[in-house]
């Protein structure tokens, strides 16, 4: 882990958030060109601006290099969304730290379970979740019929 890594809440409509989400959306669109919902149209900052939500940005050497969000799904369950780390900052513990901070925030807001979805072509993300105590579950919601999606869950208590 990098000692000069700072993760803190941010405005999901702010310029740093918008830039990170745009780069994530471009990366997803390139990975899944057949899926129009993989890009920016699938993210609404209002979804992570209300109660029970948080938007985090990871800063490395004073630069925003990653983000992750948490939003309510159902009673006791939050969903992790839009985890992203800039390619140049990958392999430095940023995603693991972001995920840990999202889990800490979820527990602090009273959630007992965290769920998330990632794509089959995102092997690094799958490894992160597999090695962070998440287990695979049936695809849910918008992802139920998506053969390119994998869904995960983790209990926080």
Protein backbone atom coordinates (compact mmCIF):
# COMPACT_ATOMS: atom_id res chain seq x y z
CA UNK A 1 0.00 0.00 0.00
CA UNK A 2 1.17 3.49 -0.76
CA UNK A 3 1.68 5.71 2.30
CA UNK A 4 0.71 8.93 0.50
CA UNK A 5 -2.70 7.56 -0.46
CA UNK A 6 -5.68 9.50 0.91
CA UNK A 7 -9.30 8.43 0.44
CA UNK A 8 -12.01 10.91 1.33
CA UNK A 9 -15.65 11.70 0.53
CA UNK A 10 -16.25 13.96 -2.44
CA UNK A 11 -19.06 15.63 -4.31
CA UNK A 12 -20.23 13.20 -7.03
CA UNK A 13 -20.95 16.18 -9.28
CA UNK A 14 -17.54 17.81 -8.77
CA UNK A 15 -14.93 18.12 -11.51
CA UNK A 16 -12.63 15.38 -10.16
CA UNK A 17 -15.55 12.95 -9.85
CA UNK A 18 -16.79 13.79 -13.33
CA UNK A 19 -13.34 13.25 -14.84
CA UNK A 20 -12.84 9.87 -13.11
CA UNK A 21 -16.34 8.67 -14.06
CA UNK A 22 -15.77 9.77 -17.67
CA UNK A 23 -12.53 7.76 -17.86
CA UNK A 24 -14.22 4.75 -16.27
CA UNK A 25 -17.11 5.02 -18.71
CA UNK A 26 -14.71 5.17 -21.66
CA UNK A 27 -12.85 2.11 -20.38
CA UNK A 28 -16.10 0.17 -19.91
CA UNK A 29 -17.36 1.18 -23.35
CA UNK A 30 -14.10 -0.11 -24.87
CA UNK A 31 -14.31 -3.39 -22.92
CA UNK A 32 -17.98 -3.95 -23.72
CA UNK A 33 -18.70 -2.27 -27.08
CA UNK A 34 -21.81 -4.42 -27.50
CA UNK A 35 -23.36 -3.05 -24.28
CA UNK A 36 -24.54 0.55 -24.58
CA UNK A 37 -25.37 0.62 -20.84
CA UNK A 38 -21.71 0.10 -19.90
CA UNK A 39 -20.85 3.78 -20.37
CA UNK A 40 -21.75 7.00 -18.62
CA UNK A 41 -25.48 6.65 -19.20
CA UNK A 42 -25.52 4.02 -16.44
CA UNK A 43 -24.32 6.48 -13.76
CA UNK A 44 -26.41 9.20 -12.17
CA UNK A 45 -24.58 11.27 -9.52
CA UNK A 46 -27.91 11.81 -7.75
CA UNK A 47 -27.96 8.08 -6.95
CA UNK A 48 -25.00 8.54 -4.63
CA UNK A 49 -25.79 11.98 -3.22
CA UNK A 50 -28.65 11.08 -0.87
CA UNK A 51 -28.89 9.51 2.58
CA UNK A 52 -27.16 6.16 2.90
CA UNK A 53 -24.80 6.99 0.03
CA UNK A 54 -21.21 8.11 -0.31
CA UNK A 55 -18.83 8.98 -3.14
CA UNK A 56 -15.14 8.53 -2.42
CA UNK A 57 -12.10 9.73 -4.31
CA UNK A 58 -8.61 8.29 -3.80
CA UNK A 59 -5.81 10.83 -3.99
CA UNK A 60 -2.21 9.78 -4.64
CA UNK A 61 0.51 12.42 -4.51
CA UNK A 62 -2.24 15.06 -4.54
CA UNK A 63 -3.85 13.73 -7.72
CA UNK A 64 -7.28 12.08 -7.96
CA UNK A 65 -6.56 8.52 -9.10
CA UNK A 66 -9.63 6.51 -8.19
CA UNK A 67 -13.22 6.52 -7.08
CA UNK A 68 -15.95 4.35 -5.69
CA UNK A 69 -19.52 4.87 -4.61
CA UNK A 70 -22.00 3.31 -2.26
CA UNK A 71 -25.76 3.57 -2.55
CA UNK A 72 -28.71 1.98 -0.77
CA UNK A 73 -30.37 -1.05 -2.36
CA UNK A 74 -32.78 -2.38 0.23
CA UNK A 75 -33.02 -2.51 4.00
CA UNK A 76 -29.56 -3.35 5.35
CA UNK A 77 -28.01 -3.71 1.88
CA UNK A 78 -25.81 -1.24 0.02
CA UNK A 79 -24.41 -1.50 -3.48
CA UNK A 80 -20.84 -0.60 -4.47
CA UNK A 81 -20.79 1.19 -7.82
CA UNK A 82 -18.25 2.76 -10.17
CA UNK A 83 -15.04 1.44 -8.64
CA UNK A 84 -12.23 2.80 -10.76
CA UNK A 85 -8.49 3.36 -10.54
CA UNK A 86 -6.45 5.20 -13.15
CA UNK A 87 -4.24 2.79 -15.11
CA UNK A 88 -1.02 4.50 -13.95
CA UNK A 89 -2.01 4.01 -10.29
CA UNK A 90 -3.03 0.35 -10.55
CA UNK A 91 -1.11 -2.24 -8.58
CA UNK A 92 -0.49 0.17 -5.70
CA UNK A 93 -3.32 -0.86 -3.35
CA UNK A 94 -5.69 1.94 -4.36
CA UNK A 95 -8.67 -0.27 -5.24
CA UNK A 96 -8.27 -2.38 -2.09
CA UNK A 97 -8.16 0.77 0.04
CA UNK A 98 -11.19 2.28 -1.73
CA UNK A 99 -13.15 -0.93 -1.21
CA UNK A 100 -12.18 -1.09 2.48
CA UNK A 101 -13.25 2.54 2.99
CA UNK A 102 -16.58 1.89 1.25
CA UNK A 103 -17.16 -1.13 3.49
CA UNK A 104 -16.26 0.92 6.58
CA UNK A 105 -18.68 3.64 5.49
CA UNK A 106 -21.40 1.06 4.82
CA UNK A 107 -21.02 -0.46 8.27
CA UNK A 108 -21.06 3.02 9.80
CA UNK A 109 -24.37 3.73 8.06
CA UNK A 110 -25.88 0.55 9.47
CA UNK A 111 -25.65 -1.69 6.42
CA UNK A 112 -25.01 -5.39 7.11
CA UNK A 113 -24.43 -6.49 3.52
CA UNK A 114 -22.70 -5.05 0.47
CA UNK A 115 -23.39 -6.17 -3.10
CA UNK A 116 -21.80 -5.27 -6.40
CA UNK A 117 -21.59 -6.15 -10.06
CA UNK A 118 -18.60 -6.33 -12.32
CA UNK A 119 -18.01 -7.59 -15.82
CA UNK A 120 -16.53 -10.88 -16.97
CA UNK A 121 -13.78 -9.03 -18.88
CA UNK A 122 -12.57 -7.23 -15.74
CA UNK A 123 -10.29 -9.91 -14.34
CA UNK A 124 -8.46 -7.58 -11.94
CA UNK A 125 -11.78 -6.50 -10.40
CA UNK A 126 -12.90 -10.11 -10.07
CA UNK A 127 -9.62 -10.97 -8.29
CA UNK A 128 -10.05 -7.98 -5.98
CA UNK A 129 -13.53 -9.08 -4.91
CA UNK A 130 -12.59 -12.77 -4.67
CA UNK A 131 -9.66 -11.90 -2.38
CA UNK A 132 -11.60 -9.35 -0.30
CA UNK A 133 -14.15 -11.75 1.16
CA UNK A 134 -16.87 -11.41 -1.47
CA UNK A 135 -18.69 -14.42 -2.82
CA UNK A 136 -20.55 -14.77 -6.07
CA UNK A 137 -24.32 -14.52 -6.07
CA UNK A 138 -27.01 -14.75 -8.72
CA UNK A 139 -27.11 -11.69 -10.95
CA UNK A 140 -29.63 -9.19 -9.62
CA UNK A 141 -31.67 -6.25 -10.88
CA UNK A 142 -30.47 -4.78 -14.16
CA UNK A 143 -27.81 -7.49 -14.38
CA UNK A 144 -30.14 -10.51 -14.01
CA UNK A 145 -30.13 -11.30 -17.72
CA UNK A 146 -26.69 -9.91 -18.56
CA UNK A 147 -24.35 -12.75 -19.48
CA UNK A 148 -21.33 -10.39 -19.20
CA UNK A 149 -22.04 -9.59 -15.52
CA UNK A 150 -20.90 -11.26 -12.32
CA UNK A 151 -22.46 -10.22 -9.01
CA UNK A 152 -20.90 -10.47 -5.57
CA UNK A 153 -21.95 -10.04 -1.95
CA UNK A 154 -20.20 -9.66 1.40
CA UNK A 155 -21.58 -9.63 4.90
CA UNK A 156 -20.22 -6.83 7.06
CA UNK A 157 -21.04 -8.31 10.47
